[in-house]
Amino acid sequence: MLSLQNLDLDTHVKLKKNEILEKELQFYTSALNTMSTSAAVLAGFAFSGLAMSLEYTEDVDSNANGRDRGLFRTLFTISSTICVALNLITLCAATFAALFSVRLALRGDGEAVEKSVKSVRGEYKFVLFLFCSGIFAFLMSISLMGWYKFHDEEAVAMTFIGVLGMAFVGYLMKRSAAKFYLSKSSRYLSTKSLVKQGAGGKGQGGAGGQPVQQDVSPEDGIP
């Protein structure tokens, strides 16, 4: 009888753990899809600017102020190409991570869900880094466009706006990370302690039917 109760408790623990891991996997999948969509939009804008730069001929490579537009045209073309490449890489990395993580969770063995969540966490950080790099490259190309296509006044204004935009994006990242900060022990919830509380209501707790709570290290809970 006791062995059957222990087996039932173990099954309940595994089901509870998988429920939490599945919710976390859904969050990462949704976040990756959002970043891939945004990266595709940025890549489209950057490619439009790159195609626009090819419409100009060499007779406009110098303006009345004697500024060498050929150099800025080259820099703008390089920055736009880097922007397109970074955003397309972001799109591919996010799409592949979302697809293959869900496939592993659905078609793998009993530990597949946990393994999938562990792997997709690292991919999420990598894709987020690529996405931010693509945004910086896009703002840089906007700044260089001003020196290639417009007069000095407009070029200075566009450069200022581009640099300010990059600084503001960095500030927003730090602000969000600080505002929604979670300690390591809070991020890696203890599944065993949560399930112990639920199991206590089934007569598996301590005296008086109260749930037994244990201090479990983060490594023993959700990875």
Protein backbone atom coordinates (compact mmCIF):
# COMPACT_ATOMS: atom_id res chain seq x y z
CA MET A 1 0.00 0.00 0.00
CA LEU A 2 2.82 2.39 0.88
CA SER A 3 4.62 1.59 -2.35
CA LEU A 4 1.51 2.45 -4.35
CA GLN A 5 1.21 5.75 -2.49
CA ASN A 6 4.85 6.57 -3.18
CA LEU A 7 4.37 5.73 -6.86
CA ASP A 8 1.32 8.00 -7.00
CA LEU A 9 3.27 10.82 -5.36
CA ASP A 10 6.18 10.42 -7.80
CA THR A 11 3.78 10.56 -10.73
CA HIS A 12 2.16 13.68 -9.29
CA VAL A 13 5.58 15.31 -8.88
CA LYS A 14 6.53 14.62 -12.50
CA LEU A 15 3.19 15.90 -13.83
CA LYS A 16 3.44 19.08 -11.76
CA LYS A 17 6.99 19.67 -12.92
CA ASN A 18 6.09 19.13 -16.58
CA GLU A 19 3.16 21.56 -16.29
CA ILE A 20 5.47 24.32 -15.08
CA LEU A 21 8.11 23.52 -17.69
CA GLU A 22 5.52 23.53 -20.48
CA LYS A 23 4.35 27.01 -19.47
CA GLU A 24 7.94 28.23 -19.48
CA LEU A 25 8.50 26.66 -22.91
CA GLN A 26 5.41 28.44 -24.24
CA PHE A 27 6.77 31.76 -22.97
CA TYR A 28 10.13 31.28 -24.71
CA THR A 29 8.43 30.17 -27.93
CA SER A 30 6.20 33.26 -27.94
CA ALA A 31 9.17 35.55 -27.20
CA LEU A 32 11.26 33.99 -29.98
CA ASN A 33 8.41 34.39 -32.47
CA THR A 34 8.02 38.05 -31.50
CA MET A 35 11.73 38.75 -32.01
CA SER A 36 11.77 36.94 -35.35
CA THR A 37 8.84 39.05 -36.61
CA SER A 38 10.47 42.29 -35.45
CA ALA A 39 13.80 41.28 -37.00
CA ALA A 40 12.08 40.60 -40.33
CA VAL A 41 10.57 44.11 -40.30
CA LEU A 42 13.95 45.72 -39.55
CA ALA A 43 15.62 43.66 -42.27
CA GLY A 44 13.01 44.87 -44.76
CA PHE A 45 13.56 48.52 -43.87
CA ALA A 46 17.34 48.15 -44.05
CA PHE A 47 17.15 46.42 -47.42
CA SER A 48 14.94 49.21 -48.77
CA GLY A 49 17.57 51.76 -47.71
CA LEU A 50 20.30 49.64 -49.26
CA ALA A 51 18.40 49.45 -52.55
CA MET A 52 17.81 53.20 -52.43
CA SER A 53 21.53 53.93 -52.11
CA LEU A 54 22.19 52.17 -55.41
CA GLU A 55 19.98 54.64 -57.29
CA TYR A 56 22.55 57.44 -56.96
CA THR A 57 25.34 57.95 -59.46
CA GLU A 58 28.85 59.26 -59.07
CA ASP A 59 27.93 62.82 -60.13
CA VAL A 60 26.38 63.44 -56.72
CA ASP A 61 29.34 62.11 -54.77
CA SER A 62 30.39 65.68 -53.87
CA ASN A 63 28.13 68.46 -52.70
CA ALA A 64 28.57 72.19 -52.50
CA ASN A 65 30.39 71.93 -49.20
CA GLY A 66 33.04 69.69 -50.71
CA ARG A 67 32.13 66.70 -48.54
CA ASP A 68 33.18 63.37 -50.01
CA ARG A 69 29.93 61.48 -50.32
CA GLY A 70 31.63 58.42 -51.80
CA LEU A 71 33.11 57.51 -48.42
CA PHE A 72 29.80 57.90 -46.60
CA ARG A 73 28.03 55.99 -49.32
CA THR A 74 30.43 53.10 -48.76
CA LEU A 75 29.96 53.25 -44.99
CA PHE A 76 26.19 53.44 -45.34
CA THR A 77 26.16 50.46 -47.71
CA ILE A 78 28.29 48.40 -45.32
CA SER A 79 26.21 49.30 -42.27
CA SER A 80 22.95 48.54 -44.09
CA THR A 81 24.31 45.20 -45.28
CA ILE A 82 25.38 44.32 -41.74
CA CYS A 83 21.94 45.34 -40.48
CA VAL A 84 20.16 43.12 -43.01
CA ALA A 85 22.48 40.19 -42.25
CA LEU A 86 22.13 40.52 -38.47
CA ASN A 87 18.35 40.69 -38.59
CA LEU A 88 18.11 37.74 -40.97
CA ILE A 89 20.40 35.72 -38.70
CA THR A 90 18.19 36.73 -35.76
CA LEU A 91 15.11 35.60 -37.66
CA CYS A 92 16.67 32.22 -38.49
CA ALA A 93 18.03 31.65 -34.98
CA ALA A 94 14.70 32.51 -33.34
CA THR A 95 12.66 30.41 -35.77
CA PHE A 96 14.93 27.38 -35.49
CA ALA A 97 15.05 27.58 -31.68
CA ALA A 98 11.24 27.80 -31.45
CA LEU A 99 10.66 24.94 -33.88
CA PHE A 100 13.24 22.48 -32.61
CA SER A 101 12.61 23.12 -28.90
CA VAL A 102 8.92 22.31 -29.27
CA ARG A 103 9.73 19.27 -31.39
CA LEU A 104 12.14 17.97 -28.75
CA ALA A 105 9.56 18.47 -25.99
CA LEU A 106 6.84 16.65 -27.94
CA ARG A 107 8.82 13.78 -29.45
CA GLY A 108 11.55 13.17 -26.87
CA ASP A 109 11.71 10.81 -23.91
CA GLY A 110 10.48 11.43 -20.36
CA GLU A 111 13.09 14.11 -19.67
CA ALA A 112 12.64 15.82 -23.03
CA VAL A 113 10.60 18.76 -21.71
CA GLU A 114 13.21 19.62 -19.09
CA LYS A 115 16.03 19.25 -21.60
CA SER A 116 14.19 21.43 -24.11
CA VAL A 117 13.63 24.23 -21.58
CA LYS A 118 17.28 24.13 -20.48
CA SER A 119 18.44 24.46 -24.08
CA VAL A 120 15.98 27.14 -25.15
CA ARG A 121 17.03 29.42 -22.26
CA GLY A 122 20.49 29.78 -23.75
CA GLU A 123 19.09 30.23 -27.24
CA TYR A 124 16.77 32.96 -25.96
CA LYS A 125 19.71 34.97 -24.57
CA PHE A 126 21.64 34.48 -27.81
CA VAL A 127 18.71 35.60 -29.99
CA LEU A 128 18.09 38.62 -27.74
CA PHE A 129 21.74 39.64 -28.15
CA LEU A 130 21.48 39.32 -31.95
CA PHE A 131 18.22 41.27 -31.97
CA CYS A 132 19.72 44.18 -30.01
CA SER A 133 22.78 44.15 -32.29
CA GLY A 134 20.47 44.39 -35.30
CA ILE A 135 18.72 47.41 -33.77
CA PHE A 136 22.05 49.16 -33.16
CA ALA A 137 23.14 48.44 -36.74
CA PHE A 138 19.86 49.86 -38.05
CA LEU A 139 20.28 53.09 -36.06
CA MET A 140 23.88 53.35 -37.23
CA SER A 141 22.83 53.08 -40.86
CA ILE A 142 20.29 55.88 -40.30
CA SER A 143 23.05 58.12 -38.97
CA LEU A 144 25.31 57.40 -41.94
CA MET A 145 22.48 57.97 -44.38
CA GLY A 146 22.34 61.61 -43.32
CA TRP A 147 25.98 62.23 -44.28
CA TYR A 148 25.57 60.47 -47.59
CA LYS A 149 22.25 61.85 -48.81
CA PHE A 150 21.52 65.16 -47.05
CA HIS A 151 23.21 68.45 -46.20
CA ASP A 152 25.34 69.00 -43.13
CA GLU A 153 22.51 70.30 -40.94
CA GLU A 154 20.29 67.32 -41.62
CA ALA A 155 23.24 64.94 -41.31
CA VAL A 156 24.17 66.27 -37.86
CA ALA A 157 20.56 66.01 -36.72
CA MET A 158 20.21 62.43 -37.99
CA THR A 159 23.50 61.42 -36.37
CA PHE A 160 22.40 62.91 -33.07
CA ILE A 161 19.04 61.13 -33.26
CA GLY A 162 20.71 57.83 -34.18
CA VAL A 163 23.23 57.97 -31.31
CA LEU A 164 20.48 59.06 -28.92
CA GLY A 165 18.35 56.15 -30.09
CA MET A 166 21.16 53.65 -29.44
CA ALA A 167 21.70 55.08 -25.96
CA PHE A 168 17.97 54.95 -25.25
CA VAL A 169 17.70 51.33 -26.37
CA GLY A 170 20.55 50.43 -24.03
CA TYR A 171 18.83 52.33 -21.22
CA LEU A 172 15.54 50.52 -21.84
CA MET A 173 17.32 47.16 -21.66
CA LYS A 174 18.94 48.01 -18.32
CA ARG A 175 15.72 49.54 -17.00
CA SER A 176 13.68 46.44 -17.84
CA ALA A 177 16.32 44.11 -16.41
CA ALA A 178 16.39 46.09 -13.16
CA LYS A 179 12.63 46.57 -12.89
CA PHE A 180 11.79 42.92 -13.49
CA TYR A 181 14.86 41.51 -11.75
CA LEU A 182 14.60 38.06 -10.22
CA SER A 183 17.25 36.44 -8.12
CA LYS A 184 18.62 33.08 -9.17
CA SER A 185 16.74 31.29 -6.41
CA SER A 186 13.50 32.95 -7.53
CA ARG A 187 14.06 32.18 -11.21
CA TYR A 188 14.80 28.52 -10.61
CA LEU A 189 11.74 27.60 -8.62
CA SER A 190 11.80 24.51 -6.47
CA THR A 191 9.30 22.16 -8.03
CA LYS A 192 9.70 19.69 -5.21
CA SER A 193 8.68 22.22 -2.57
CA LEU A 194 5.65 23.28 -4.63
CA VAL A 195 4.53 19.71 -5.11
CA LYS A 196 5.12 18.92 -1.42
CA GLN A 197 2.60 21.60 -0.58
CA GLY A 198 0.08 20.12 -2.99
CA ALA A 199 0.77 16.59 -1.78
CA GLY A 200 0.25 17.62 1.84
CA GLY A 201 -3.44 18.06 1.15
CA LYS A 202 -3.59 14.41 0.09
CA GLY A 203 -2.43 13.13 3.44
CA GLN A 204 1.24 13.10 2.60
CA GLY A 205 2.05 16.01 4.87
CA GLY A 206 2.96 16.30 8.49
CA ALA A 207 0.86 16.36 11.61
CA GLY A 208 -2.63 17.76 11.28
CA GLY A 209 -2.61 17.29 7.50
CA GLN A 210 -0.43 20.37 6.99
CA PRO A 211 1.91 20.29 3.99
CA VAL A 212 5.52 19.54 4.66
CA GLN A 213 7.80 22.23 3.29
CA GLN A 214 11.43 21.62 2.57
CA ASP A 215 14.20 24.02 1.68
CA VAL A 216 15.38 22.67 -1.63
CA SER A 217 18.27 24.10 -3.57
CA PRO A 218 17.49 25.59 -7.01
CA GLU A 219 19.39 22.77 -8.70
CA ASP A 220 16.86 20.25 -7.31
CA GLY A 221 13.92 22.07 -8.82
CA ILE A 222 13.29 23.44 -12.26
CA PRO A 223 16.59 23.86 -14.10
